[in-house]
Amino acid sequence: MKIQIIEVMRYAGPRMIFHHPFLAVTHLLDEKRSDKSSEKEIVTNKRDTKL
C-alpha cells in the first residue's frame, strides 16, 4: 500500500502546486511543523531519562 501511495504522489505531488497552490503550501508547512514537534518530543524524552 505504501508503495502505491509513493507512486501516486510522484505523479500528483508536483501537479498539486499548479492546481491547488494554497493546499500545497499549507501541506508543506504542516510537514515542517510536525518535524519540529517530533524533534522537541525526542529532546524532552532524553531530558526525562537523564533526570
Protein backbone atom coordinates (compact mmCIF):
# COMPACT_ATOMS: atom_id res chain seq x y z
CA MET A 1 0.00 0.00 0.00
CA LYS A 2 2.79 2.43 0.87
CA ILE A 3 4.47 1.78 -2.47
CA GLN A 4 1.25 2.67 -4.29
CA ILE A 5 0.97 5.94 -2.36
CA ILE A 6 4.55 6.84 -3.26
CA GLU A 7 3.86 6.14 -6.95
CA VAL A 8 0.73 8.28 -6.95
CA MET A 9 2.40 11.16 -5.13
CA ARG A 10 5.33 11.12 -7.59
CA TYR A 11 2.80 11.91 -10.28
CA ALA A 12 0.28 14.04 -8.41
CA GLY A 13 2.52 15.90 -5.97
CA PRO A 14 4.21 18.29 -8.40
CA ARG A 15 0.94 18.93 -10.23
CA MET A 16 -0.77 19.92 -6.99
CA ILE A 17 1.34 23.09 -6.89
CA PHE A 18 -0.30 24.34 -10.09
CA HIS A 19 -3.86 23.15 -9.47
CA HIS A 20 -4.14 23.87 -5.73
CA PRO A 21 -1.25 26.15 -4.70
CA PHE A 22 -2.74 27.12 -1.32
CA LEU A 23 -3.26 23.49 -0.30
CA ALA A 24 0.25 22.57 -1.44
CA VAL A 25 1.84 25.32 0.64
CA THR A 26 -0.20 24.51 3.73
CA HIS A 27 0.75 20.84 3.32
CA LEU A 28 4.44 21.76 3.30
CA LEU A 29 4.01 24.00 6.35
CA ASP A 30 2.22 21.22 8.23
CA GLU A 31 5.12 18.86 7.49
CA LYS A 32 7.63 21.39 8.82
CA ARG A 33 5.58 21.90 11.98
CA SER A 34 5.25 18.18 12.64
CA ASP A 35 9.01 17.67 12.11
CA LYS A 36 9.81 20.35 14.69
CA SER A 37 7.32 18.98 17.21
CA SER A 38 8.69 15.45 16.87
CA GLU A 39 12.22 16.78 17.47
CA LYS A 40 11.02 18.55 20.62
CA GLU A 41 9.43 15.34 21.89
CA ILE A 42 12.68 13.45 21.39
CA VAL A 43 14.64 16.12 23.28
CA THR A 44 12.19 16.18 26.17
CA ASN A 45 12.23 12.40 26.35
CA LYS A 46 16.03 12.44 26.54
CA ARG A 47 15.90 15.00 29.33
CA ASP A 48 13.41 12.93 31.25
CA THR A 49 15.61 9.83 31.10
CA LYS A 50 18.73 11.72 32.24
CA LEU A 51 17.00 13.02 35.36
